[in-house]
Amino acid sequence: MRRSLQVTLGSASRLLRCGQSGRCRDCGNPIEWYHRSDQHPVRLHPHELPAAQVPEACRWHVSSGVAHPAGDGSSWCRLPHAVLCPARDTPPPPPELAGLRRSPAVHSRRLIDAGVFTAPPASPPGRTPGPVVCRPARPTVQLLYVRYLAARPVDEIQCVAQTRHRHRCTSPLFTPGTPGGAWTLMPATAESGQLALPADVMAVYDLGRLPYAEQLRWRAQRCPQHAASPTAADLAVAEWEPFDPLRHHEHIHARLPAPALRPGSAHCARQGGGR
């Protein structure tokens, strides 16, 4: 049975950290964010499914707000959204999930036709990739001595606070007049005994030189205005994902976004660089 969750009246946030709802940025379908036991976020299909219709290797369950990649012995299970996402062509889903994947694909097409959702551009097949642009789609950011993988370019990271009109704030974290970080090369380290990384160094947007309060503001993902208003509620989960050099190896860039960057600039002067 589903149990209702309530937010404490004295809480400054209206955000339920357990099962935070959202939409997939690749297909536009609804998802639910949970954290695994290793604190890494995972996107799950918003509905429970009969375990008999889901291959054993694809079954997940949620216990005490934590998602686990296995069944719990019941007749119901959860499913990771990546298996049903119509925007993903590889690896192909198991045959048992072909019918379940059809519904999100139809819903995604309806959103595109209605102009509500715009699918991200895909690279034409067989086309030789050109030079890497100077705005990484998912940059690695270091703050408070921890590296995170951002969900979008540095200058597009949006505030998660609620406005007076009960909408999400549209202000970015990187605003003129506020101190910023600087791109630098850092060692792309991994634990001993693991596979070799594609590069010895990686480009990181370093915020470690900012004052402690500014780093806290970036970590909380709040614009300067809402950082000064601790009573403002959060309408979304902060999109920082702990960076894992092996799981996120495709986002490692071995060169800086541009040959020369001004400290405190989230943009680069021109295109250039590469992996």
Protein backbone atom coordinates (compact mmCIF):
# COMPACT_ATOMS: atom_id res chain seq x y z
CA MET A 1 0.00 0.00 0.00
CA ARG A 2 1.17 3.52 -0.76
CA ARG A 3 1.74 5.67 2.32
CA SER A 4 1.40 9.43 2.16
CA LEU A 5 4.40 11.58 3.05
CA GLN A 6 4.09 14.95 4.74
CA VAL A 7 6.53 17.82 5.06
CA THR A 8 7.19 19.14 8.55
CA LEU A 9 5.50 22.52 9.03
CA GLY A 10 8.70 24.02 10.41
CA SER A 11 10.80 22.87 7.46
CA ALA A 12 12.32 25.54 5.21
CA SER A 13 12.06 23.21 2.24
CA ARG A 14 8.94 21.84 0.57
CA LEU A 15 10.97 19.21 -1.25
CA LEU A 16 10.52 15.52 -0.50
CA ARG A 17 14.01 14.05 -0.74
CA CYS A 18 12.61 10.53 -1.11
CA GLY A 19 11.30 9.80 -4.58
CA GLN A 20 11.69 13.31 -5.98
CA SER A 21 9.80 13.45 -9.26
CA GLY A 22 11.20 14.92 -12.44
CA ARG A 23 11.40 14.43 -16.20
CA CYS A 24 14.06 12.76 -18.29
CA ARG A 25 16.07 15.37 -20.18
CA ASP A 26 16.47 12.93 -23.10
CA CYS A 27 12.87 11.80 -23.69
CA GLY A 28 10.66 14.02 -21.49
CA ASN A 29 8.95 11.14 -19.65
CA PRO A 30 8.32 11.36 -15.88
CA ILE A 31 10.89 9.76 -13.59
CA GLU A 32 11.60 9.47 -9.87
CA TRP A 33 15.01 10.18 -8.37
CA TYR A 34 16.30 7.92 -5.61
CA HIS A 35 19.69 7.41 -4.04
CA ARG A 36 21.44 4.07 -3.97
CA SER A 37 23.37 2.75 -0.99
CA ASP A 38 26.55 4.34 -2.41
CA GLN A 39 24.82 7.76 -2.45
CA HIS A 40 24.74 7.88 -6.26
CA PRO A 41 21.37 8.97 -7.71
CA VAL A 42 19.37 6.67 -9.96
CA ARG A 43 16.34 7.36 -12.13
CA LEU A 44 13.48 4.90 -11.68
CA HIS A 45 10.24 4.39 -13.58
CA PRO A 46 7.52 6.16 -11.54
CA HIS A 47 5.28 3.06 -11.23
CA GLU A 48 5.69 -0.38 -9.74
CA LEU A 49 5.49 -3.26 -12.19
CA PRO A 50 4.63 -6.95 -11.78
CA ALA A 51 7.90 -8.77 -11.15
CA ALA A 52 6.83 -11.55 -13.53
CA GLN A 53 6.99 -9.10 -16.46
CA VAL A 54 10.49 -7.84 -15.64
CA PRO A 55 13.70 -9.87 -16.11
CA GLU A 56 15.42 -10.63 -12.83
CA ALA A 57 18.52 -8.65 -13.83
CA CYS A 58 16.40 -5.48 -14.30
CA ARG A 59 14.47 -5.58 -11.03
CA TRP A 60 14.93 -2.87 -8.40
CA HIS A 61 13.23 -2.23 -5.10
CA VAL A 62 13.08 0.71 -2.71
CA SER A 63 13.60 0.15 1.01
CA SER A 64 13.61 3.01 3.55
CA GLY A 65 13.99 5.51 0.71
CA VAL A 66 17.07 3.78 -0.76
CA ALA A 67 17.00 2.08 -4.18
CA HIS A 68 18.59 -1.36 -4.48
CA PRO A 69 19.39 -3.15 -7.80
CA ALA A 70 17.60 -6.40 -6.94
CA GLY A 71 14.17 -7.76 -6.22
CA ASP A 72 12.84 -7.92 -2.67
CA GLY A 73 11.00 -11.22 -3.08
CA SER A 74 7.58 -9.61 -3.59
CA SER A 75 5.43 -9.79 -6.69
CA TRP A 76 6.16 -6.13 -7.52
CA CYS A 77 9.37 -4.35 -8.47
CA ARG A 78 10.73 -1.08 -9.78
CA LEU A 79 12.51 -0.55 -13.09
CA PRO A 80 15.35 1.85 -13.99
CA HIS A 81 14.26 4.45 -16.49
CA ALA A 82 17.34 3.84 -18.63
CA VAL A 83 15.89 0.46 -19.68
CA LEU A 84 12.65 2.06 -20.95
CA CYS A 85 13.99 5.39 -22.21
CA PRO A 86 13.07 5.65 -25.92
CA ALA A 87 16.01 8.02 -26.51
CA ARG A 88 18.49 5.21 -25.80
CA ASP A 89 19.24 2.82 -28.64
CA THR A 90 22.10 0.93 -27.04
CA PRO A 91 22.17 -1.50 -25.42
CA PRO A 92 18.84 -2.88 -26.70
CA PRO A 93 16.26 -3.62 -23.98
CA PRO A 94 15.36 -7.23 -23.13
CA PRO A 95 12.57 -8.69 -25.29
CA GLU A 96 10.26 -8.88 -22.27
CA LEU A 97 10.33 -5.08 -21.98
CA ALA A 98 9.57 -4.28 -25.62
CA GLY A 99 5.88 -3.69 -24.86
CA LEU A 100 6.60 -1.58 -21.78
CA ARG A 101 9.01 0.59 -23.73
CA ARG A 102 6.40 1.36 -26.38
CA SER A 103 4.27 3.51 -24.05
CA PRO A 104 7.07 5.96 -23.08
CA ALA A 105 8.03 6.22 -26.76
CA VAL A 106 4.48 7.21 -27.73
CA HIS A 107 4.28 9.70 -24.86
CA SER A 108 7.60 11.24 -25.84
CA ARG A 109 6.42 11.66 -29.45
CA ARG A 110 3.23 13.37 -28.27
CA LEU A 111 5.24 15.83 -26.18
CA ILE A 112 7.45 16.64 -29.16
CA ASP A 113 4.47 17.10 -31.48
CA ALA A 114 2.76 19.39 -28.96
CA GLY A 115 5.90 21.51 -28.62
CA VAL A 116 6.15 20.81 -24.89
CA PHE A 117 9.44 18.92 -25.16
CA THR A 118 12.37 19.34 -27.51
CA ALA A 119 14.54 16.31 -28.04
CA PRO A 120 18.30 16.96 -27.75
CA PRO A 121 20.09 16.96 -31.12
CA ALA A 122 21.70 13.70 -32.11
CA SER A 123 24.87 13.32 -34.13
CA PRO A 124 24.24 12.02 -37.67
CA PRO A 125 25.36 8.40 -38.04
CA GLY A 126 28.71 7.92 -39.70
CA ARG A 127 29.73 11.52 -39.22
CA THR A 128 33.24 12.14 -37.99
CA PRO A 129 33.08 14.12 -34.75
CA GLY A 130 34.56 17.59 -35.01
CA PRO A 131 36.59 19.47 -32.46
CA VAL A 132 35.20 19.52 -28.94
CA VAL A 133 33.44 22.78 -28.21
CA CYS A 134 34.59 24.84 -25.28
CA ARG A 135 31.38 24.39 -23.27
CA PRO A 136 31.30 20.81 -21.94
CA ALA A 137 27.73 19.55 -21.79
CA ARG A 138 28.38 17.96 -18.38
CA PRO A 139 31.46 19.58 -16.84
CA THR A 140 33.30 18.32 -13.79
CA VAL A 141 33.21 20.86 -10.96
CA GLN A 142 35.25 20.81 -7.76
CA LEU A 143 33.92 22.53 -4.65
CA LEU A 144 34.36 21.88 -0.93
CA TYR A 145 37.20 19.48 -1.86
CA VAL A 146 34.79 17.17 -3.71
CA ARG A 147 34.37 16.67 -7.44
CA TYR A 148 30.89 16.63 -8.91
CA LEU A 149 29.53 16.01 -12.37
CA ALA A 150 27.16 18.82 -13.34
CA ALA A 151 23.99 18.07 -15.29
CA ARG A 152 24.47 21.02 -17.67
CA PRO A 153 27.09 23.63 -18.65
CA VAL A 154 28.40 25.79 -15.82
CA ASP A 155 26.63 28.95 -16.98
CA GLU A 156 23.28 27.11 -17.31
CA ILE A 157 23.07 25.60 -13.82
CA GLN A 158 19.73 26.87 -12.51
CA CYS A 159 18.68 27.83 -9.01
CA VAL A 160 16.41 25.25 -7.32
CA ALA A 161 14.60 27.67 -4.97
CA GLN A 162 10.91 28.52 -5.09
CA THR A 163 9.82 32.03 -6.02
CA ARG A 164 6.93 33.98 -4.51
CA HIS A 165 4.74 32.77 -7.37
CA ARG A 166 5.54 29.16 -6.39
CA HIS A 167 7.59 28.55 -9.52
CA ARG A 168 11.20 27.48 -9.76
CA CYS A 169 13.67 30.34 -9.90
CA THR A 170 15.04 30.89 -13.40
CA SER A 171 18.26 32.62 -12.28
CA PRO A 172 21.56 30.83 -12.96
CA LEU A 173 24.21 30.30 -10.29
CA PHE A 174 26.84 32.04 -12.40
CA THR A 175 25.75 35.67 -12.56
CA PRO A 176 27.71 38.84 -13.41
CA GLY A 177 29.22 40.46 -10.37
CA THR A 178 29.67 37.23 -8.43
CA PRO A 179 33.03 35.42 -8.16
CA GLY A 180 33.49 32.37 -10.33
CA GLY A 181 35.87 29.49 -10.64
CA ALA A 182 38.61 28.72 -13.12
CA TRP A 183 39.30 25.84 -15.47
CA THR A 184 42.37 23.86 -14.51
CA LEU A 185 43.95 20.46 -15.12
CA MET A 186 43.78 17.99 -12.23
CA PRO A 187 44.84 14.36 -11.90
CA ALA A 188 42.18 11.92 -13.06
CA THR A 189 42.76 9.51 -10.23
CA ALA A 190 41.14 6.15 -9.58
CA GLU A 191 41.47 3.47 -6.96
CA SER A 192 44.34 1.04 -7.26
CA GLY A 193 43.58 -2.24 -8.98
CA GLN A 194 40.94 -0.73 -11.29
CA LEU A 195 41.05 -0.31 -15.04
CA ALA A 196 43.30 2.38 -16.50
CA LEU A 197 41.67 5.73 -17.19
CA PRO A 198 41.62 7.29 -20.68
CA ALA A 199 43.74 10.23 -19.46
CA ASP A 200 46.16 11.06 -16.65
CA VAL A 201 44.74 14.56 -16.18
CA MET A 202 41.32 16.08 -16.70
CA ALA A 203 39.79 19.55 -17.08
CA VAL A 204 37.95 20.63 -13.93
CA TYR A 205 36.06 23.85 -13.19
CA ASP A 206 37.61 24.62 -9.81
CA LEU A 207 35.59 26.62 -7.28
CA GLY A 208 37.93 25.82 -4.41
CA ARG A 209 39.39 29.33 -4.28
CA LEU A 210 36.02 30.93 -3.59
CA PRO A 211 35.01 31.86 -0.05
CA TYR A 212 33.44 29.08 1.97
CA ALA A 213 30.00 30.74 1.85
CA GLU A 214 30.14 30.93 -1.95
CA GLN A 215 31.03 27.25 -2.23
CA LEU A 216 28.08 26.41 0.03
CA ARG A 217 25.85 28.48 -2.26
CA TRP A 218 26.99 26.53 -5.31
CA ARG A 219 26.60 23.22 -3.47
CA ALA A 220 23.04 24.15 -2.44
CA GLN A 221 22.44 25.28 -6.06
CA ARG A 222 20.97 28.66 -5.18
CA CYS A 223 21.31 32.03 -6.83
CA PRO A 224 22.72 34.92 -4.72
CA GLN A 225 19.23 36.25 -3.99
CA HIS A 226 17.83 32.97 -2.65
CA ALA A 227 21.08 32.09 -0.90
CA ALA A 228 20.39 35.12 1.30
CA SER A 229 16.84 33.83 1.98
CA PRO A 230 17.18 30.56 3.92
CA THR A 231 13.40 30.32 4.38
CA ALA A 232 12.79 29.89 0.62
CA ALA A 233 11.75 26.35 -0.24
CA ASP A 234 13.46 24.06 -2.73
CA LEU A 235 11.46 22.87 -5.74
CA ALA A 236 14.07 20.49 -7.19
CA VAL A 237 16.95 18.33 -6.09
CA ALA A 238 20.41 19.78 -6.56
CA GLU A 239 21.76 18.21 -9.74
CA TRP A 240 25.28 17.52 -8.48
CA GLU A 241 26.33 13.91 -9.00
CA PRO A 242 29.46 12.66 -7.20
CA PHE A 243 32.08 12.24 -9.91
CA ASP A 244 33.35 8.71 -10.49
CA PRO A 245 36.25 8.62 -13.01
CA LEU A 246 35.32 5.11 -14.15
CA ARG A 247 31.54 5.47 -14.38
CA HIS A 248 31.82 8.93 -15.98
CA HIS A 249 34.86 8.33 -18.16
CA GLU A 250 33.07 9.68 -21.25
CA HIS A 251 32.96 13.12 -19.60
CA ILE A 252 36.72 13.26 -18.97
CA HIS A 253 38.49 15.86 -21.11
CA ALA A 254 42.28 15.69 -21.08
CA ARG A 255 42.72 19.30 -22.24
CA LEU A 256 41.37 22.61 -21.12
CA PRO A 257 38.31 23.92 -23.00
CA ALA A 258 40.46 26.71 -24.51
CA PRO A 259 44.21 27.44 -24.67
CA ALA A 260 43.81 30.41 -22.32
CA LEU A 261 40.96 31.26 -19.98
CA ARG A 262 40.42 34.22 -17.73
CA PRO A 263 40.05 33.23 -14.05
CA GLY A 264 36.44 33.44 -12.96
CA SER A 265 34.99 32.93 -16.43
CA ALA A 266 32.53 30.14 -17.13
CA HIS A 267 32.77 30.74 -20.87
CA CYS A 268 35.81 30.27 -23.06
CA ALA A 269 37.24 32.60 -25.63
CA ARG A 270 36.94 30.29 -28.60
CA GLN A 271 36.49 26.68 -29.55
CA GLY A 272 39.34 24.29 -29.13
CA GLY A 273 40.76 21.48 -27.09
CA GLY A 274 39.87 17.84 -27.13
CA ARG A 275 40.05 14.70 -25.13
